[in-house]
Each structure stands twice: as C-alpha cells, then as structure tokens.
Amino acid sequence: MQTKVKAPVYAKKLRARLAELRKRRAQALKEYELAVSLWRTNFCAWLRDTGQKRVDEIKKSELRAYNGKYAHRPGFDVNEFFRDAPRPPIYPDDRQIRGVVAVLRLLGISGQSAIHVGTADITKLFSDDADLEDDG
C-alpha cells in the first residue's frame, strides 16, 4: 500500500530514526568490544585445553602433502582442527543506518514537496525487528 506524505515531515522522522539507530549502534559496538575480549580469553583457554590433542590428531599423510610452495596452506585440515572452538561474536550490522542515510540523501536531491511511501519501505526503515530487513 502506498501513501502520499510530505517530504519534510518524512525527512524529520527519518532524521530522528537515524539518531536513534546511531545511538543503538554505538552501544552495540561497545558490547561487541567486550564480547571480543571475552571471546579471546575463551579462545586462548580452549587452545590451552585442546591444542595438544588437536595437533596429535593431525595425520602424517596430511603433512606429507605440504611442500612449502603454498605457505598459506598449512598442510592439514584447518576446519577440523578448529571444530568446537568458541565462535567469535558477530559484528553489529549497520544496513538499516545506511538505508536511512540513502533515503535522506535521495530526499535532499529530489527536492519534492510530497512523496509516495510504501508499507514495505516504512517497515524496512522503522522496524526494530532484524528479521524484516532485506539482505540487499
């Protein structure tokens, strides 16, 4: 469903939403930094506990294939070595912020007094539910 709204009113609401999203992002980045330091501690503990066992599991046949030519390939299955390792935290997403900035930029360029806004656009820009955001 499309609705016709005044561009200055819509832009004002978008700027308020942008301020709110930036504030949340700053908090999320602080939490991410704490999560990374905790992950590093847990990862080091995991390496101390399981590192020797994992190195002992590496087969000689895997190492025999290593010839030094491709130094970025260690000669054994890295995925198998790090299975069950603590997963790093996920970096906070900023797609919604970039979407709001893009819409504000387009509103500034177009100079229209009224625009047509769809329900999907409103949901994408103003929803707090991360599942509703598209991947593009």
C-alpha atoms as a PDB file:
ATOM      1  CA  MET A   1       0.000   0.000   0.000  1.00  0.00           C
ATOM      2  CA  GLN A   2       1.301   3.439  -0.913  1.00  0.00           C
ATOM      3  CA  THR A   3       0.644   6.674   0.928  1.00  0.00           C
ATOM      4  CA  LYS A   4       1.463  10.223  -0.075  1.00  0.00           C
ATOM      5  CA  VAL A   5       3.363  12.097   2.661  1.00  0.00           C
ATOM      6  CA  LYS A   6       5.048  15.480   2.908  1.00  0.00           C
ATOM      7  CA  ALA A   7       8.768  15.144   2.295  1.00  0.00           C
ATOM      8  CA  PRO A   8       9.894  17.493   5.136  1.00  0.00           C
ATOM      9  CA  VAL A   9       7.793  15.572   7.686  1.00  0.00           C
ATOM     10  CA  TYR A  10       9.122  12.240   6.436  1.00  0.00           C
ATOM     11  CA  ALA A  11      12.688  13.562   6.479  1.00  0.00           C
ATOM     12  CA  LYS A  12      12.259  14.789  10.063  1.00  0.00           C
ATOM     13  CA  LYS A  13      11.049  11.356  11.160  1.00  0.00           C
ATOM     14  CA  LEU A  14      13.940   9.715   9.286  1.00  0.00           C
ATOM     15  CA  ARG A  15      16.482  12.005  10.977  1.00  0.00           C
ATOM     16  CA  ALA A  16      15.022  11.118  14.388  1.00  0.00           C
ATOM     17  CA  ARG A  17      15.197   7.432  13.489  1.00  0.00           C
ATOM     18  CA  LEU A  18      18.776   7.861  12.289  1.00  0.00           C
ATOM     19  CA  ALA A  19      19.799   9.452  15.603  1.00  0.00           C
ATOM     20  CA  GLU A  20      18.177   6.569  17.477  1.00  0.00           C
ATOM     21  CA  LEU A  21      19.876   3.949  15.274  1.00  0.00           C
ATOM     22  CA  ARG A  22      23.293   5.598  15.638  1.00  0.00           C
ATOM     23  CA  LYS A  23      22.890   5.666  19.410  1.00  0.00           C
ATOM     24  CA  ARG A  24      21.990   1.960  19.423  1.00  0.00           C
ATOM     25  CA  ARG A  25      24.913   1.181  17.127  1.00  0.00           C
ATOM     26  CA  ALA A  26      27.363   2.967  19.424  1.00  0.00           C
ATOM     27  CA  GLN A  27      26.098   0.846  22.317  1.00  0.00           C
ATOM     28  CA  ALA A  28      26.246  -2.303  20.189  1.00  0.00           C
ATOM     29  CA  LEU A  29      29.861  -1.534  19.235  1.00  0.00           C
ATOM     30  CA  LYS A  30      30.786  -1.172  22.924  1.00  0.00           C
ATOM     31  CA  GLU A  31      29.126  -4.503  23.661  1.00  0.00           C
ATOM     32  CA  TYR A  32      30.936  -6.020  20.676  1.00  0.00           C
ATOM     33  CA  GLU A  33      34.317  -4.882  22.032  1.00  0.00           C
ATOM     34  CA  LEU A  34      33.542  -6.535  25.363  1.00  0.00           C
ATOM     35  CA  ALA A  35      32.382  -9.689  23.615  1.00  0.00           C
ATOM     36  CA  VAL A  36      35.603  -9.818  21.561  1.00  0.00           C
ATOM     37  CA  SER A  37      37.784  -9.564  24.650  1.00  0.00           C
ATOM     38  CA  LEU A  38      35.742 -12.309  26.335  1.00  0.00           C
ATOM     39  CA  TRP A  39      35.959 -14.451  23.179  1.00  0.00           C
ATOM     40  CA  ARG A  40      39.749 -14.022  23.066  1.00  0.00           C
ATOM     41  CA  THR A  41      40.024 -15.171  26.662  1.00  0.00           C
ATOM     42  CA  ASN A  42      37.789 -18.181  25.992  1.00  0.00           C
ATOM     43  CA  PHE A  43      39.629 -18.999  22.770  1.00  0.00           C
ATOM     44  CA  CYS A  44      43.022 -18.952  24.498  1.00  0.00           C
ATOM     45  CA  ALA A  45      41.666 -21.226  27.215  1.00  0.00           C
ATOM     46  CA  TRP A  46      40.240 -23.553  24.558  1.00  0.00           C
ATOM     47  CA  LEU A  47      43.609 -23.656  22.772  1.00  0.00           C
ATOM     48  CA  ARG A  48      45.433 -24.477  26.003  1.00  0.00           C
ATOM     49  CA  ASP A  49      42.956 -27.248  26.793  1.00  0.00           C
ATOM     50  CA  THR A  50      42.653 -28.847  23.356  1.00  0.00           C
ATOM     51  CA  GLY A  51      45.625 -27.642  21.310  1.00  0.00           C
ATOM     52  CA  GLN A  52      47.954 -30.547  22.025  1.00  0.00           C
ATOM     53  CA  LYS A  53      45.174 -33.080  21.416  1.00  0.00           C
ATOM     54  CA  ARG A  54      44.336 -31.472  18.084  1.00  0.00           C
ATOM     55  CA  VAL A  55      47.974 -31.366  16.993  1.00  0.00           C
ATOM     56  CA  ASP A  56      48.291 -35.053  17.835  1.00  0.00           C
ATOM     57  CA  GLU A  57      45.229 -35.751  15.625  1.00  0.00           C
ATOM     58  CA  ILE A  58      46.954 -34.345  12.531  1.00  0.00           C
ATOM     59  CA  LYS A  59      47.896 -37.249  10.283  1.00  0.00           C
ATOM     60  CA  LYS A  60      51.330 -37.642   8.736  1.00  0.00           C
ATOM     61  CA  SER A  61      49.712 -38.181   5.361  1.00  0.00           C
ATOM     62  CA  GLU A  62      48.198 -34.699   5.569  1.00  0.00           C
ATOM     63  CA  LEU A  63      51.587 -33.176   6.367  1.00  0.00           C
ATOM     64  CA  ARG A  64      53.293 -35.102   3.587  1.00  0.00           C
ATOM     65  CA  ALA A  65      51.266 -33.099   1.043  1.00  0.00           C
ATOM     66  CA  TYR A  66      52.774 -29.851   2.378  1.00  0.00           C
ATOM     67  CA  ASN A  67      55.683 -28.737   0.226  1.00  0.00           C
ATOM     68  CA  GLY A  68      56.135 -25.127   1.342  1.00  0.00           C
ATOM     69  CA  LYS A  69      55.177 -23.827  -2.064  1.00  0.00           C
ATOM     70  CA  TYR A  70      51.830 -22.543  -0.834  1.00  0.00           C
ATOM     71  CA  ALA A  71      52.670 -21.176   2.599  1.00  0.00           C
ATOM     72  CA  HIS A  72      49.079 -20.111   3.315  1.00  0.00           C
ATOM     73  CA  ARG A  73      48.015 -23.776   3.319  1.00  0.00           C
ATOM     74  CA  PRO A  74      49.337 -25.470   6.453  1.00  0.00           C
ATOM     75  CA  GLY A  75      49.054 -28.996   5.062  1.00  0.00           C
ATOM     76  CA  PHE A  76      46.256 -30.177   7.318  1.00  0.00           C
ATOM     77  CA  ASP A  77      42.513 -29.578   7.609  1.00  0.00           C
ATOM     78  CA  VAL A  78      42.162 -26.297   9.478  1.00  0.00           C
ATOM     79  CA  ASN A  79      38.386 -26.653   9.743  1.00  0.00           C
ATOM     80  CA  GLU A  80      38.798 -29.964  11.513  1.00  0.00           C
ATOM     81  CA  PHE A  81      41.480 -28.510  13.789  1.00  0.00           C
ATOM     82  CA  PHE A  82      39.218 -25.673  14.943  1.00  0.00           C
ATOM     83  CA  ARG A  83      35.955 -27.620  15.201  1.00  0.00           C
ATOM     84  CA  ASP A  84      34.166 -26.954  18.507  1.00  0.00           C
ATOM     85  CA  ALA A  85      36.260 -23.810  19.041  1.00  0.00           C
ATOM     86  CA  PRO A  86      34.473 -20.819  20.567  1.00  0.00           C
ATOM     87  CA  ARG A  87      32.842 -18.795  17.802  1.00  0.00           C
ATOM     88  CA  PRO A  88      33.738 -15.113  17.581  1.00  0.00           C
ATOM     89  CA  PRO A  89      30.995 -12.559  18.175  1.00  0.00           C
ATOM     90  CA  ILE A  90      29.116 -11.169  15.200  1.00  0.00           C
ATOM     91  CA  TYR A  91      29.927  -7.587  14.244  1.00  0.00           C
ATOM     92  CA  PRO A  92      26.889  -5.273  14.615  1.00  0.00           C
ATOM     93  CA  ASP A  93      25.064  -4.667  11.358  1.00  0.00           C
ATOM     94  CA  ASP A  94      24.587  -1.132  10.014  1.00  0.00           C
ATOM     95  CA  ARG A  95      22.408  -1.837   6.965  1.00  0.00           C
ATOM     96  CA  GLN A  96      19.427  -0.033   8.440  1.00  0.00           C
ATOM     97  CA  ILE A  97      21.512   3.088   9.121  1.00  0.00           C
ATOM     98  CA  ARG A  98      22.868   3.041   5.574  1.00  0.00           C
ATOM     99  CA  GLY A  99      19.323   2.632   4.241  1.00  0.00           C
ATOM    100  CA  VAL A 100      18.036   5.646   6.181  1.00  0.00           C
ATOM    101  CA  VAL A 101      21.001   7.757   5.055  1.00  0.00           C
ATOM    102  CA  ALA A 102      20.393   6.760   1.437  1.00  0.00           C
ATOM    103  CA  VAL A 103      16.707   7.732   1.638  1.00  0.00           C
ATOM    104  CA  LEU A 104      17.580  11.073   3.257  1.00  0.00           C
ATOM    105  CA  ARG A 105      20.117  11.720   0.518  1.00  0.00           C
ATOM    106  CA  LEU A 106      17.544  10.953  -2.169  1.00  0.00           C
ATOM    107  CA  LEU A 107      15.009  13.230  -0.490  1.00  0.00           C
ATOM    108  CA  GLY A 108      17.560  16.030  -0.446  1.00  0.00           C
ATOM    109  CA  ILE A 109      18.426  15.547  -4.096  1.00  0.00           C
ATOM    110  CA  SER A 110      14.864  15.237  -5.377  1.00  0.00           C
ATOM    111  CA  GLY A 111      13.514  18.419  -3.776  1.00  0.00           C
ATOM    112  CA  GLN A 112       9.932  17.129  -3.966  1.00  0.00           C
ATOM    113  CA  SER A 113       7.341  18.501  -1.562  1.00  0.00           C
ATOM    114  CA  ALA A 114       5.417  15.217  -1.341  1.00  0.00           C
ATOM    115  CA  ILE A 115       6.445  11.631  -1.970  1.00  0.00           C
ATOM    116  CA  HIS A 116       4.782   8.235  -2.155  1.00  0.00           C
ATOM    117  CA  VAL A 117       5.875   5.857   0.593  1.00  0.00           C
ATOM    118  CA  GLY A 118       5.033   2.165   0.669  1.00  0.00           C
ATOM    119  CA  THR A 119       4.378  -0.047   3.664  1.00  0.00           C
ATOM    120  CA  ALA A 120       7.444  -2.135   2.849  1.00  0.00           C
ATOM    121  CA  ASP A 121       9.650   0.979   2.924  1.00  0.00           C
ATOM    122  CA  ILE A 122       8.273   2.032   6.296  1.00  0.00           C
ATOM    123  CA  THR A 123       8.736  -1.467   7.708  1.00  0.00           C
ATOM    124  CA  LYS A 124      12.302  -1.669   6.422  1.00  0.00           C
ATOM    125  CA  LEU A 125      13.354   1.731   7.773  1.00  0.00           C
ATOM    126  CA  PHE A 126      11.423   1.927  11.035  1.00  0.00           C
ATOM    127  CA  SER A 127      11.171  -1.680  12.212  1.00  0.00           C
ATOM    128  CA  ASP A 128      13.288  -2.863  15.126  1.00  0.00           C
ATOM    129  CA  ASP A 129      12.917  -6.485  14.064  1.00  0.00           C
ATOM    130  CA  ALA A 130      16.151  -7.564  12.320  1.00  0.00           C
ATOM    131  CA  ASP A 131      14.326 -10.381  10.505  1.00  0.00           C
ATOM    132  CA  LEU A 132      12.308  -7.892   8.484  1.00  0.00           C
ATOM    133  CA  GLU A 133      15.391  -6.272   6.968  1.00  0.00           C
ATOM    134  CA  ASP A 134      16.290  -7.465   3.492  1.00  0.00           C
ATOM    135  CA  ASP A 135      19.744  -8.791   2.671  1.00  0.00           C
ATOM    136  CA  GLY A 136      20.380  -6.452  -0.244  1.00  0.00           C
END
